[in-house]
Amino acid sequence: MDSFGREESNEKTSTMKYKFSILKFLVLILVLEFFFDFCSSSISTQTQAANLNPEQELERELGLEETPVDSKSSKSHPRDRIRVHHVFEEVYPTSSASSVSIFTEKTVKSSAIHHKGGHLSEKILISLGSGVVFNKQGYILTNAHVIKAHDHLLVKLKSGKAYEAIVIGIDKRIDLAILQVTPDEDIVPVEKLDYYTHQRGEAAILKYINTKIQIRKNREAKSKSKAKTSA
């Protein structure tokens, strides 16, 4: 009886440690996100050239392509946020098995098909972005801008099957969200986090932060140079 009690206690302790390690890593992302928001400065938007130079290629890889934004959305534009799947892929070279695609459904009228004098409607899937499975309970970490204000969300696993997802939590200010799915198949969460993984995670986030800050500085320098030339 004592042996059974000890095994049950060890199992609960192991589960709690796993959840706590996930929580610590999420807190790390949040803290560094605040750091990035503090260090980042506003930039002017430009039109992307057809032929990309090496810096623009790097911007495309990091999701930093310049796109027109209005004053209402500029404060929370996706390019100013840390991409969750980028960080996990940097930390876990094999995290692709835990990556998922997020979709929404949209009903459209088909003009090519008529039914009793009217138009048939059909549902199409619209890709929103990606996320990462971080536990076997079906919790998925993604960016808040990915799900936006969509009511009906679908998550497509690596198996190709799609499942309806519910929003567990969302914080638009730091651009993070947690979804949950209930699949009828096994899902692959990211590996258990340890101290070494936390170090790699911190380095990965800082890498993207520093790269973004440097690109911003380069843009500002170019803008000032153009202003002086035109003057």
Protein backbone atom coordinates (compact mmCIF):
# COMPACT_ATOMS: atom_id res chain seq x y z
CA MET A 1 0.00 0.00 0.00
CA ASP A 2 2.86 2.34 0.92
CA SER A 3 4.60 1.50 -2.35
CA PHE A 4 1.47 2.33 -4.34
CA GLY A 5 1.11 5.62 -2.48
CA ARG A 6 4.69 6.55 -3.22
CA GLU A 7 4.28 5.76 -6.93
CA GLU A 8 1.13 7.87 -7.11
CA SER A 9 2.87 10.72 -5.29
CA ASN A 10 5.88 10.52 -7.63
CA GLU A 11 3.59 10.62 -10.67
CA LYS A 12 1.80 13.72 -9.37
CA THR A 13 5.12 15.38 -8.57
CA SER A 14 6.43 14.63 -12.08
CA THR A 15 3.27 16.08 -13.65
CA MET A 16 3.51 19.23 -11.55
CA LYS A 17 7.18 19.68 -12.46
CA TYR A 18 6.36 19.34 -16.17
CA LYS A 19 3.55 21.93 -15.98
CA PHE A 20 5.75 24.26 -13.95
CA SER A 21 8.57 23.99 -16.48
CA ILE A 22 6.17 24.92 -19.29
CA LEU A 23 4.91 27.86 -17.23
CA LYS A 24 8.46 29.09 -16.58
CA PHE A 25 9.24 29.06 -20.28
CA LEU A 26 6.04 30.99 -21.10
CA VAL A 27 6.93 33.55 -18.42
CA LEU A 28 10.37 33.86 -20.04
CA ILE A 29 8.71 34.68 -23.37
CA LEU A 30 6.48 37.27 -21.70
CA VAL A 31 9.35 38.96 -19.83
CA LEU A 32 11.49 39.24 -22.94
CA GLU A 33 8.49 40.48 -24.90
CA PHE A 34 8.15 43.35 -22.43
CA PHE A 35 11.87 44.01 -22.85
CA PHE A 36 11.46 44.16 -26.62
CA ASP A 37 8.49 46.55 -26.36
CA PHE A 38 10.57 48.79 -24.12
CA CYS A 39 13.57 48.83 -26.46
CA SER A 40 11.69 49.11 -29.75
CA SER A 41 11.00 52.50 -31.31
CA SER A 42 8.47 53.63 -33.90
CA ILE A 43 9.48 53.42 -37.56
CA SER A 44 8.14 54.84 -40.80
CA THR A 45 6.66 52.45 -43.35
CA GLN A 46 8.16 52.04 -46.82
CA THR A 47 7.26 50.24 -50.04
CA GLN A 48 9.06 46.92 -50.52
CA ALA A 49 11.28 46.76 -53.61
CA ALA A 50 10.88 44.00 -56.15
CA ASN A 51 14.51 42.87 -55.88
CA LEU A 52 15.37 41.98 -52.28
CA ASN A 53 18.81 42.69 -50.87
CA PRO A 54 20.33 40.46 -48.13
CA GLU A 55 18.81 42.56 -45.35
CA GLN A 56 15.35 42.33 -46.91
CA GLU A 57 15.77 38.58 -47.30
CA LEU A 58 16.45 38.38 -43.56
CA GLU A 59 13.39 40.50 -42.88
CA ARG A 60 11.26 38.11 -44.91
CA GLU A 61 12.65 35.11 -43.02
CA LEU A 62 11.81 36.73 -39.67
CA GLY A 63 8.40 37.93 -40.80
CA LEU A 64 9.47 41.58 -40.86
CA GLU A 65 8.45 42.52 -44.40
CA GLU A 66 7.38 46.12 -44.65
CA THR A 67 3.64 46.43 -45.20
CA PRO A 68 1.47 49.56 -45.01
CA VAL A 69 -0.21 49.96 -41.64
CA ASP A 70 -2.62 52.58 -40.36
CA SER A 71 -2.29 54.48 -37.11
CA LYS A 72 -4.93 52.34 -35.40
CA SER A 73 -3.13 49.05 -35.92
CA SER A 74 0.50 50.15 -35.91
CA LYS A 75 0.90 49.71 -32.14
CA SER A 76 0.04 46.04 -32.25
CA HIS A 77 1.18 45.07 -35.71
CA PRO A 78 2.30 41.39 -35.98
CA ARG A 79 5.79 42.30 -37.16
CA ASP A 80 6.50 43.90 -33.76
CA ARG A 81 5.82 40.65 -31.92
CA ILE A 82 7.80 37.51 -31.23
CA ARG A 83 6.70 34.68 -33.48
CA VAL A 84 6.00 31.69 -31.23
CA HIS A 85 6.79 29.00 -33.79
CA HIS A 86 10.09 30.71 -34.69
CA VAL A 87 11.25 30.51 -31.09
CA PHE A 88 10.25 26.88 -30.63
CA GLU A 89 11.88 25.82 -33.89
CA GLU A 90 15.07 27.52 -32.72
CA VAL A 91 14.95 25.78 -29.33
CA TYR A 92 13.78 22.39 -30.60
CA PRO A 93 15.19 21.30 -33.97
CA THR A 94 12.58 18.51 -33.96
CA SER A 95 9.65 20.68 -32.86
CA SER A 96 8.00 20.40 -36.29
CA ALA A 97 6.12 17.37 -35.00
CA SER A 98 4.52 19.65 -32.41
CA SER A 99 3.72 22.46 -34.86
CA VAL A 100 0.12 22.87 -36.00
CA SER A 101 -1.69 24.99 -38.57
CA ILE A 102 -4.58 27.22 -37.55
CA PHE A 103 -7.52 27.92 -39.87
CA THR A 104 -10.91 29.56 -39.87
CA GLU A 105 -13.94 28.71 -42.01
CA LYS A 106 -15.64 31.17 -44.31
CA THR A 107 -18.92 30.62 -46.11
CA VAL A 108 -18.92 31.85 -49.71
CA LYS A 109 -21.51 31.74 -52.46
CA SER A 110 -20.62 29.73 -55.54
CA SER A 111 -21.52 31.62 -58.71
CA ALA A 112 -20.82 28.58 -60.88
CA ILE A 113 -23.42 26.30 -59.27
CA HIS A 114 -27.13 27.09 -59.20
CA HIS A 115 -29.73 25.29 -57.13
CA LYS A 116 -33.43 26.03 -57.59
CA GLY A 117 -32.75 29.46 -58.96
CA GLY A 118 -30.32 30.42 -56.20
CA HIS A 119 -26.64 30.04 -55.43
CA LEU A 120 -25.12 27.22 -53.46
CA SER A 121 -22.85 28.21 -50.63
CA GLU A 122 -19.72 26.37 -49.65
CA LYS A 123 -17.26 26.58 -46.80
CA ILE A 124 -13.60 27.22 -47.45
CA LEU A 125 -10.66 27.10 -45.08
CA ILE A 126 -8.59 30.24 -44.63
CA SER A 127 -5.11 29.82 -43.19
CA LEU A 128 -4.39 32.10 -40.24
CA GLY A 129 -0.99 30.94 -39.04
CA SER A 130 0.63 28.32 -36.85
CA GLY A 131 1.07 27.27 -33.23
CA VAL A 132 2.81 24.75 -31.01
CA VAL A 133 1.32 21.91 -28.94
CA PHE A 134 2.80 22.11 -25.45
CA ASN A 135 0.99 19.35 -23.54
CA LYS A 136 -1.02 16.17 -24.10
CA GLN A 137 -4.22 17.88 -22.93
CA GLY A 138 -4.32 19.62 -26.31
CA TYR A 139 -3.18 23.08 -25.26
CA ILE A 140 -1.65 25.09 -28.09
CA LEU A 141 0.45 28.24 -27.83
CA THR A 142 0.14 30.76 -30.65
CA ASN A 143 0.19 34.50 -31.28
CA ALA A 144 -2.91 36.55 -30.53
CA HIS A 145 -2.78 38.23 -33.93
CA VAL A 146 -3.14 34.81 -35.56
CA ILE A 147 -6.63 34.17 -34.21
CA LYS A 148 -7.73 37.83 -34.17
CA ALA A 149 -11.52 38.09 -33.82
CA HIS A 150 -12.38 34.80 -35.50
CA ASP A 151 -15.14 32.89 -33.72
CA HIS A 152 -14.71 29.53 -35.44
CA LEU A 153 -11.17 28.18 -35.28
CA LEU A 154 -9.78 24.91 -36.61
CA VAL A 155 -6.43 23.36 -35.79
CA LYS A 156 -4.81 21.00 -38.28
CA LEU A 157 -2.39 18.48 -36.81
CA LYS A 158 0.56 16.85 -38.54
CA SER A 159 -1.67 13.86 -39.32
CA GLY A 160 -3.70 16.11 -41.60
CA LYS A 161 -6.87 15.95 -39.50
CA ALA A 162 -8.48 19.20 -38.37
CA TYR A 163 -10.26 19.78 -35.07
CA GLU A 164 -12.31 22.62 -33.66
CA ALA A 165 -10.42 24.75 -31.15
CA ILE A 166 -11.57 26.87 -28.25
CA VAL A 167 -9.77 29.92 -26.91
CA ILE A 168 -8.51 29.34 -23.37
CA GLY A 169 -6.81 32.69 -22.94
CA ILE A 170 -5.63 35.64 -24.98
CA ASP A 171 -3.59 38.77 -24.29
CA LYS A 172 -3.45 41.10 -27.28
CA ARG A 173 -1.03 43.46 -25.54
CA ILE A 174 1.75 40.86 -25.53
CA ASP A 175 0.36 39.04 -28.58
CA LEU A 176 0.03 35.57 -27.04
CA ALA A 177 -2.92 33.18 -26.98
CA ILE A 178 -3.67 29.64 -25.81
CA LEU A 179 -6.08 27.34 -27.64
CA GLN A 180 -7.27 23.84 -26.83
CA VAL A 181 -8.35 20.96 -29.04
CA THR A 182 -9.75 17.54 -28.15
CA PRO A 183 -8.43 15.19 -30.85
CA ASP A 184 -9.30 11.52 -31.17
CA GLU A 185 -5.65 10.70 -31.82
CA ASP A 186 -2.34 11.03 -30.02
CA ILE A 187 -0.74 14.45 -30.21
CA VAL A 188 2.94 15.26 -29.88
CA PRO A 189 3.77 18.03 -27.40
CA VAL A 190 7.15 19.71 -27.24
CA GLU A 191 9.77 17.95 -25.19
CA LYS A 192 10.06 18.41 -21.46
CA LEU A 193 11.88 21.62 -20.65
CA ASP A 194 15.10 21.61 -18.66
CA TYR A 195 17.65 24.23 -17.61
CA TYR A 196 19.64 23.87 -20.83
CA THR A 197 16.47 24.31 -22.89
CA HIS A 198 15.61 27.49 -20.98
CA GLN A 199 19.04 28.86 -21.86
CA ARG A 200 18.52 28.03 -25.53
CA GLY A 201 15.06 29.59 -25.40
CA GLU A 202 16.41 32.80 -23.93
CA ALA A 203 19.14 32.92 -26.57
CA ALA A 204 16.62 32.28 -29.37
CA ILE A 205 14.31 35.07 -28.24
CA LEU A 206 17.16 37.52 -27.76
CA LYS A 207 18.43 36.63 -31.23
CA TYR A 208 15.16 37.71 -32.84
CA ILE A 209 14.85 40.77 -30.61
CA ASN A 210 18.37 41.96 -31.41
CA THR A 211 17.88 41.31 -35.13
CA LYS A 212 14.63 43.27 -35.18
CA ILE A 213 16.17 46.17 -33.26
CA GLN A 214 19.14 46.27 -35.65
CA ILE A 215 16.85 46.28 -38.69
CA ARG A 216 14.84 49.12 -37.15
CA LYS A 217 18.03 51.12 -36.60
CA ASN A 218 19.10 50.52 -40.20
CA ARG A 219 15.72 51.73 -41.47
CA GLU A 220 15.86 54.86 -39.32
CA ALA A 221 19.39 55.59 -40.56
CA LYS A 222 18.24 55.23 -44.18
CA SER A 223 15.25 57.52 -43.55
CA LYS A 224 17.47 60.20 -42.00
CA SER A 225 19.94 59.89 -44.88
CA LYS A 226 17.15 60.33 -47.45
CA ALA A 227 15.78 63.32 -45.55
CA LYS A 228 19.18 65.03 -45.56
CA THR A 229 19.65 64.29 -49.27
CA SER A 230 16.25 65.71 -50.22
CA ALA A 231 16.85 68.79 -48.07
